[in-house]
Amino acid sequence: MPRALIVIDMQNDFCPGGALAVAGGDQIVQPVNALMGEFDAVVLTQDWHPSDHASFADNHPGAAPFRETRMPYGPQVLWPAHCVIGTPGADFHPGLDLGRADLVIRKGFRPQIDSYSAFYENDHETPTGLAGYLRERGLTHLSLVGLAHDFCVAYSAIDAARLGFQATVIESATRAIDLDGSRDRARAEMRAAGVILE
């Protein structure tokens, strides 16, 4: 049973001191590194936004971060500007073991659409190419870790399950933003989609 570890967005801006810091985000770097040797493949995702990205509150006059708005593809949280292409905040955490990565998937680089999932943009139609890569390598069992549990990890895990992969989230190697109860909602949605939480 070929297994892949999908490491979601372990980047400086999502760690303490970053523009969209997840509490304790840096605490999972070493546990993630320790897991890498147990898998047949390691894939890293990297949030990769242009400065004019539509999901940034700064690009909507009068809008406050963490408020929800409507986009053509549905509801969208407006975030503080983060993981801007070419900035230190977009870099992987310096402690992350990049040497084990077989593939880096960059997401969110289209200015008009956000991308939480490692598999699709937020329109749920535009693919990143990850599913094809995993299938071509025969990687059917996926374990997901990283940041943030209740957004990019959850969206990725749910899409993985819907695409026919066996998806497990190793919760000890994730941290959540927990925006208005989003962690509990994400857990319920993942379970409903067939994702294993361990």
C-alpha atoms as a PDB file:
ATOM      1  CA  MET A   1       0.000   0.000   0.000  1.00  0.00           C
ATOM      2  CA  PRO A   2       2.051   2.945  -1.269  1.00  0.00           C
ATOM      3  CA  ARG A   3       1.720   5.902   1.075  1.00  0.00           C
ATOM      4  CA  ALA A   4       2.367   9.611   0.676  1.00  0.00           C
ATOM      5  CA  LEU A   5       2.754  12.306   3.310  1.00  0.00           C
ATOM      6  CA  ILE A   6       1.154  15.577   2.195  1.00  0.00           C
ATOM      7  CA  VAL A   7       2.685  18.480   4.142  1.00  0.00           C
ATOM      8  CA  ILE A   8       0.414  21.510   3.881  1.00  0.00           C
ATOM      9  CA  ASP A   9       1.784  25.075   3.873  1.00  0.00           C
ATOM     10  CA  MET A  10       4.576  24.857   6.466  1.00  0.00           C
ATOM     11  CA  GLN A  11       5.565  28.452   5.685  1.00  0.00           C
ATOM     12  CA  ASN A  12       6.897  31.362   7.704  1.00  0.00           C
ATOM     13  CA  ASP A  13       3.744  33.467   7.411  1.00  0.00           C
ATOM     14  CA  PHE A  14       1.684  30.706   9.051  1.00  0.00           C
ATOM     15  CA  CYS A  15       4.106  30.340  11.976  1.00  0.00           C
ATOM     16  CA  PRO A  16       4.426  32.645  15.014  1.00  0.00           C
ATOM     17  CA  GLY A  17       5.650  36.062  13.913  1.00  0.00           C
ATOM     18  CA  GLY A  18       4.166  35.615  10.428  1.00  0.00           C
ATOM     19  CA  ALA A  19       1.445  37.631   8.735  1.00  0.00           C
ATOM     20  CA  LEU A  20      -1.222  34.949   9.290  1.00  0.00           C
ATOM     21  CA  ALA A  21       0.283  33.109  12.235  1.00  0.00           C
ATOM     22  CA  VAL A  22      -1.323  29.916  13.488  1.00  0.00           C
ATOM     23  CA  ALA A  23      -0.788  29.507  17.239  1.00  0.00           C
ATOM     24  CA  GLY A  24       1.858  26.842  17.801  1.00  0.00           C
ATOM     25  CA  GLY A  25       2.485  26.436  14.073  1.00  0.00           C
ATOM     26  CA  ASP A  26       6.219  26.117  14.596  1.00  0.00           C
ATOM     27  CA  GLN A  27       5.735  23.345  17.180  1.00  0.00           C
ATOM     28  CA  ILE A  28       4.881  20.789  14.505  1.00  0.00           C
ATOM     29  CA  VAL A  29       7.982  21.232  12.313  1.00  0.00           C
ATOM     30  CA  GLN A  30      10.010  18.503  14.013  1.00  0.00           C
ATOM     31  CA  PRO A  31       7.086  16.049  14.294  1.00  0.00           C
ATOM     32  CA  VAL A  32       6.453  16.541  10.557  1.00  0.00           C
ATOM     33  CA  ASN A  33      10.130  15.933   9.776  1.00  0.00           C
ATOM     34  CA  ALA A  34      10.077  12.782  11.912  1.00  0.00           C
ATOM     35  CA  LEU A  35       7.108  11.399   9.941  1.00  0.00           C
ATOM     36  CA  MET A  36       8.731  11.832   6.527  1.00  0.00           C
ATOM     37  CA  GLY A  37      10.850   8.683   6.723  1.00  0.00           C
ATOM     38  CA  GLU A  38       7.757   6.513   7.186  1.00  0.00           C
ATOM     39  CA  PHE A  39       6.333   7.275   3.729  1.00  0.00           C
ATOM     40  CA  ASP A  40       7.058   6.305   0.127  1.00  0.00           C
ATOM     41  CA  ALA A  41       6.717   9.920  -1.023  1.00  0.00           C
ATOM     42  CA  VAL A  42       6.554  13.383   0.522  1.00  0.00           C
ATOM     43  CA  VAL A  43       4.682  16.248  -1.137  1.00  0.00           C
ATOM     44  CA  LEU A  44       4.890  19.829   0.126  1.00  0.00           C
ATOM     45  CA  THR A  45       2.318  22.482  -0.689  1.00  0.00           C
ATOM     46  CA  GLN A  46       3.213  26.162  -0.736  1.00  0.00           C
ATOM     47  CA  ASP A  47       0.751  29.060  -0.610  1.00  0.00           C
ATOM     48  CA  TRP A  48       1.986  31.390  -3.354  1.00  0.00           C
ATOM     49  CA  HIS A  49       0.020  34.624  -3.789  1.00  0.00           C
ATOM     50  CA  PRO A  50       0.557  37.700  -5.965  1.00  0.00           C
ATOM     51  CA  SER A  51       0.318  40.959  -3.974  1.00  0.00           C
ATOM     52  CA  ASP A  52      -2.967  41.864  -5.684  1.00  0.00           C
ATOM     53  CA  HIS A  53      -4.674  38.621  -4.650  1.00  0.00           C
ATOM     54  CA  ALA A  54      -8.462  38.879  -4.310  1.00  0.00           C
ATOM     55  CA  SER A  55      -8.447  37.079  -0.934  1.00  0.00           C
ATOM     56  CA  PHE A  56      -6.434  39.847   0.754  1.00  0.00           C
ATOM     57  CA  ALA A  57      -8.516  42.269   2.821  1.00  0.00           C
ATOM     58  CA  ASP A  58      -6.093  45.058   1.826  1.00  0.00           C
ATOM     59  CA  ASN A  59      -7.306  44.729  -1.772  1.00  0.00           C
ATOM     60  CA  HIS A  60     -10.938  45.472  -0.788  1.00  0.00           C
ATOM     61  CA  PRO A  61     -11.325  49.118   0.352  1.00  0.00           C
ATOM     62  CA  GLY A  62     -12.803  49.299   3.837  1.00  0.00           C
ATOM     63  CA  ALA A  63     -12.726  45.522   4.380  1.00  0.00           C
ATOM     64  CA  ALA A  64     -11.396  44.043   7.612  1.00  0.00           C
ATOM     65  CA  PRO A  65      -9.373  40.835   7.784  1.00  0.00           C
ATOM     66  CA  PHE A  66     -11.248  37.665   8.778  1.00  0.00           C
ATOM     67  CA  ARG A  67     -14.578  38.944   7.428  1.00  0.00           C
ATOM     68  CA  GLU A  68     -16.369  36.855   4.848  1.00  0.00           C
ATOM     69  CA  THR A  69     -17.294  38.125   1.393  1.00  0.00           C
ATOM     70  CA  ARG A  70     -18.794  36.602  -1.731  1.00  0.00           C
ATOM     71  CA  MET A  71     -16.672  35.704  -4.722  1.00  0.00           C
ATOM     72  CA  PRO A  72     -17.956  34.296  -8.042  1.00  0.00           C
ATOM     73  CA  TYR A  73     -17.011  30.835  -6.729  1.00  0.00           C
ATOM     74  CA  GLY A  74     -18.732  31.255  -3.331  1.00  0.00           C
ATOM     75  CA  PRO A  75     -17.952  32.533   0.168  1.00  0.00           C
ATOM     76  CA  GLN A  76     -14.398  33.718   0.828  1.00  0.00           C
ATOM     77  CA  VAL A  77     -12.701  34.773   4.064  1.00  0.00           C
ATOM     78  CA  LEU A  78     -10.660  37.951   3.543  1.00  0.00           C
ATOM     79  CA  TRP A  79      -7.198  37.351   4.963  1.00  0.00           C
ATOM     80  CA  PRO A  80      -4.304  39.601   5.922  1.00  0.00           C
ATOM     81  CA  ALA A  81      -1.812  39.696   3.039  1.00  0.00           C
ATOM     82  CA  HIS A  82       0.343  36.568   3.406  1.00  0.00           C
ATOM     83  CA  CYS A  83       2.693  34.254   1.492  1.00  0.00           C
ATOM     84  CA  VAL A  84       3.286  36.882  -1.175  1.00  0.00           C
ATOM     85  CA  ILE A  85       5.459  35.517  -3.991  1.00  0.00           C
ATOM     86  CA  GLY A  86       9.138  36.267  -3.401  1.00  0.00           C
ATOM     87  CA  THR A  87       8.792  37.400   0.233  1.00  0.00           C
ATOM     88  CA  PRO A  88      10.369  35.683   3.269  1.00  0.00           C
ATOM     89  CA  GLY A  89       6.861  34.938   4.555  1.00  0.00           C
ATOM     90  CA  ALA A  90       6.228  32.669   1.577  1.00  0.00           C
ATOM     91  CA  ASP A  91       9.364  30.621   2.289  1.00  0.00           C
ATOM     92  CA  PHE A  92       9.117  27.257   4.005  1.00  0.00           C
ATOM     93  CA  HIS A  93       9.884  27.257   7.726  1.00  0.00           C
ATOM     94  CA  PRO A  94      13.694  27.047   7.987  1.00  0.00           C
ATOM     95  CA  GLY A  95      13.469  23.932  10.155  1.00  0.00           C
ATOM     96  CA  LEU A  96      11.448  21.928   7.623  1.00  0.00           C
ATOM     97  CA  ASP A  97      13.371  19.087   5.965  1.00  0.00           C
ATOM     98  CA  LEU A  98      13.074  20.027   2.289  1.00  0.00           C
ATOM     99  CA  GLY A  99      15.479  17.283   1.240  1.00  0.00           C
ATOM    100  CA  ARG A 100      12.774  14.631   1.560  1.00  0.00           C
ATOM    101  CA  ALA A 101      10.297  16.376  -0.755  1.00  0.00           C
ATOM    102  CA  ASP A 102       9.498  14.588  -4.008  1.00  0.00           C
ATOM    103  CA  LEU A 103       7.230  17.396  -5.217  1.00  0.00           C
ATOM    104  CA  VAL A 104       6.281  20.970  -4.289  1.00  0.00           C
ATOM    105  CA  ILE A 105       2.791  22.096  -5.320  1.00  0.00           C
ATOM    106  CA  ARG A 106       2.278  25.859  -5.374  1.00  0.00           C
ATOM    107  CA  LYS A 107      -1.288  27.079  -4.977  1.00  0.00           C
ATOM    108  CA  GLY A 108      -3.163  30.377  -4.866  1.00  0.00           C
ATOM    109  CA  PHE A 109      -1.100  32.048  -7.588  1.00  0.00           C
ATOM    110  CA  ARG A 110      -4.141  33.014  -9.703  1.00  0.00           C
ATOM    111  CA  PRO A 111      -5.062  36.561  -8.581  1.00  0.00           C
ATOM    112  CA  GLN A 112      -8.844  36.155  -8.707  1.00  0.00           C
ATOM    113  CA  ILE A 113      -9.274  32.838  -6.888  1.00  0.00           C
ATOM    114  CA  ASP A 114      -8.034  31.456  -3.600  1.00  0.00           C
ATOM    115  CA  SER A 115      -6.794  27.908  -3.161  1.00  0.00           C
ATOM    116  CA  TYR A 116      -7.052  26.125   0.177  1.00  0.00           C
ATOM    117  CA  SER A 117      -6.904  22.572  -1.136  1.00  0.00           C
ATOM    118  CA  ALA A 118      -3.793  20.857  -2.435  1.00  0.00           C
ATOM    119  CA  PHE A 119      -6.002  19.388  -5.194  1.00  0.00           C
ATOM    120  CA  TYR A 120      -8.254  22.226  -6.422  1.00  0.00           C
ATOM    121  CA  GLU A 121      -8.636  25.969  -6.436  1.00  0.00           C
ATOM    122  CA  ASN A 122     -11.604  27.198  -4.364  1.00  0.00           C
ATOM    123  CA  ASP A 123     -13.902  26.897  -7.396  1.00  0.00           C
ATOM    124  CA  HIS A 124     -13.574  23.101  -6.837  1.00  0.00           C
ATOM    125  CA  GLU A 125     -12.981  22.766 -10.583  1.00  0.00           C
ATOM    126  CA  THR A 126      -9.467  24.033 -11.381  1.00  0.00           C
ATOM    127  CA  PRO A 127      -7.035  21.202 -10.521  1.00  0.00           C
ATOM    128  CA  THR A 128      -3.489  21.636  -9.236  1.00  0.00           C
ATOM    129  CA  GLY A 129      -2.307  18.408 -10.884  1.00  0.00           C
ATOM    130  CA  LEU A 130      -1.586  16.668  -7.571  1.00  0.00           C
ATOM    131  CA  ALA A 131      -4.168  13.914  -8.037  1.00  0.00           C
ATOM    132  CA  GLY A 132      -2.662  12.896 -11.379  1.00  0.00           C
ATOM    133  CA  TYR A 133       0.837  12.865  -9.932  1.00  0.00           C
ATOM    134  CA  LEU A 134      -0.200  10.639  -7.018  1.00  0.00           C
ATOM    135  CA  ARG A 135      -2.131   8.257  -9.280  1.00  0.00           C
ATOM    136  CA  GLU A 136       0.733   7.932 -11.744  1.00  0.00           C
ATOM    137  CA  ARG A 137       3.006   6.960  -8.864  1.00  0.00           C
ATOM    138  CA  GLY A 138       0.426   4.537  -7.459  1.00  0.00           C
ATOM    139  CA  LEU A 139       0.161   6.436  -4.162  1.00  0.00           C
ATOM    140  CA  THR A 140      -3.291   5.572  -2.830  1.00  0.00           C
ATOM    141  CA  HIS A 141      -2.999   6.190   0.916  1.00  0.00           C
ATOM    142  CA  LEU A 142      -2.421   9.780   1.969  1.00  0.00           C
ATOM    143  CA  SER A 143      -1.626  11.216   5.383  1.00  0.00           C
ATOM    144  CA  LEU A 144      -1.970  14.974   5.749  1.00  0.00           C
ATOM    145  CA  VAL A 145      -0.213  17.274   8.204  1.00  0.00           C
ATOM    146  CA  GLY A 146       0.602  20.976   8.423  1.00  0.00           C
ATOM    147  CA  LEU A 147      -1.196  24.316   8.536  1.00  0.00           C
ATOM    148  CA  ALA A 148      -3.881  25.134   9.087  1.00  0.00           C
ATOM    149  CA  HIS A 149      -5.918  22.150  10.284  1.00  0.00           C
ATOM    150  CA  ASP A 150      -9.308  23.801   9.734  1.00  0.00           C
ATOM    151  CA  PHE A 151      -8.668  25.367   6.328  1.00  0.00           C
ATOM    152  CA  CYS A 152      -6.014  24.079   3.936  1.00  0.00           C
ATOM    153  CA  VAL A 153      -5.477  20.710   5.650  1.00  0.00           C
ATOM    154  CA  ALA A 154      -9.213  20.023   5.912  1.00  0.00           C
ATOM    155  CA  TYR A 155      -9.996  21.127   2.352  1.00  0.00           C
ATOM    156  CA  SER A 156      -7.141  18.972   1.044  1.00  0.00           C
ATOM    157  CA  ALA A 157      -8.203  15.909   3.043  1.00  0.00           C
ATOM    158  CA  ILE A 158     -11.847  16.201   1.973  1.00  0.00           C
ATOM    159  CA  ASP A 159     -10.860  16.548  -1.681  1.00  0.00           C
ATOM    160  CA  ALA A 160      -8.506  13.572  -1.366  1.00  0.00           C
ATOM    161  CA  ALA A 161     -11.318  11.404  -0.007  1.00  0.00           C
ATOM    162  CA  ARG A 162     -13.737  12.581  -2.708  1.00  0.00           C
ATOM    163  CA  LEU A 163     -11.138  11.723  -5.339  1.00  0.00           C
ATOM    164  CA  GLY A 164     -10.935   8.150  -4.076  1.00  0.00           C
ATOM    165  CA  PHE A 165      -7.757   8.282  -1.997  1.00  0.00           C
ATOM    166  CA  GLN A 166      -7.661   6.950   1.542  1.00  0.00           C
ATOM    167  CA  ALA A 167      -7.104  10.145   3.510  1.00  0.00           C
ATOM    168  CA  THR A 168      -5.908  10.424   7.094  1.00  0.00           C
ATOM    169  CA  VAL A 169      -5.178  13.622   9.023  1.00  0.00           C
ATOM    170  CA  ILE A 170      -2.536  13.200  11.729  1.00  0.00           C
ATOM    171  CA  GLU A 171      -3.954  15.815  14.071  1.00  0.00           C
ATOM    172  CA  SER A 172      -0.935  15.964  16.384  1.00  0.00           C
ATOM    173  CA  ALA A 173       1.059  17.317  13.416  1.00  0.00           C
ATOM    174  CA  THR A 174      -1.433  20.076  12.604  1.00  0.00           C
ATOM    175  CA  ARG A 175      -2.520  23.324  14.237  1.00  0.00           C
ATOM    176  CA  ALA A 176      -5.786  25.219  13.680  1.00  0.00           C
ATOM    177  CA  ILE A 177      -6.723  28.868  13.214  1.00  0.00           C
ATOM    178  CA  ASP A 178     -10.112  28.113  14.854  1.00  0.00           C
ATOM    179  CA  LEU A 179     -12.006  31.075  13.432  1.00  0.00           C
ATOM    180  CA  ASP A 180     -15.499  31.126  15.004  1.00  0.00           C
ATOM    181  CA  GLY A 181     -15.489  27.388  15.674  1.00  0.00           C
ATOM    182  CA  SER A 182     -13.935  26.426  12.342  1.00  0.00           C
ATOM    183  CA  ARG A 183     -11.875  23.604  13.892  1.00  0.00           C
ATOM    184  CA  ASP A 184     -14.906  21.654  15.105  1.00  0.00           C
ATOM    185  CA  ARG A 185     -16.744  22.268  11.831  1.00  0.00           C
ATOM    186  CA  ALA A 186     -13.740  21.060   9.848  1.00  0.00           C
ATOM    187  CA  ARG A 187     -13.484  17.898  11.936  1.00  0.00           C
ATOM    188  CA  ALA A 188     -17.161  17.115  11.380  1.00  0.00           C
ATOM    189  CA  GLU A 189     -16.902  17.795   7.632  1.00  0.00           C
ATOM    190  CA  MET A 190     -13.788  15.643   7.309  1.00  0.00           C
ATOM    191  CA  ARG A 191     -15.406  12.724   9.128  1.00  0.00           C
ATOM    192  CA  ALA A 192     -18.538  13.065   6.964  1.00  0.00           C
ATOM    193  CA  ALA A 193     -16.364  12.855   3.843  1.00  0.00           C
ATOM    194  CA  GLY A 194     -14.686   9.657   5.055  1.00  0.00           C
ATOM    195  CA  VAL A 195     -11.419  11.185   6.265  1.00  0.00           C
ATOM    196  CA  ILE A 196      -9.749   9.341   9.147  1.00  0.00           C
ATOM    197  CA  LEU A 197      -8.655  11.581  12.032  1.00  0.00           C
ATOM    198  CA  GLU A 198      -5.881  10.171  14.171  1.00  0.00           C
END
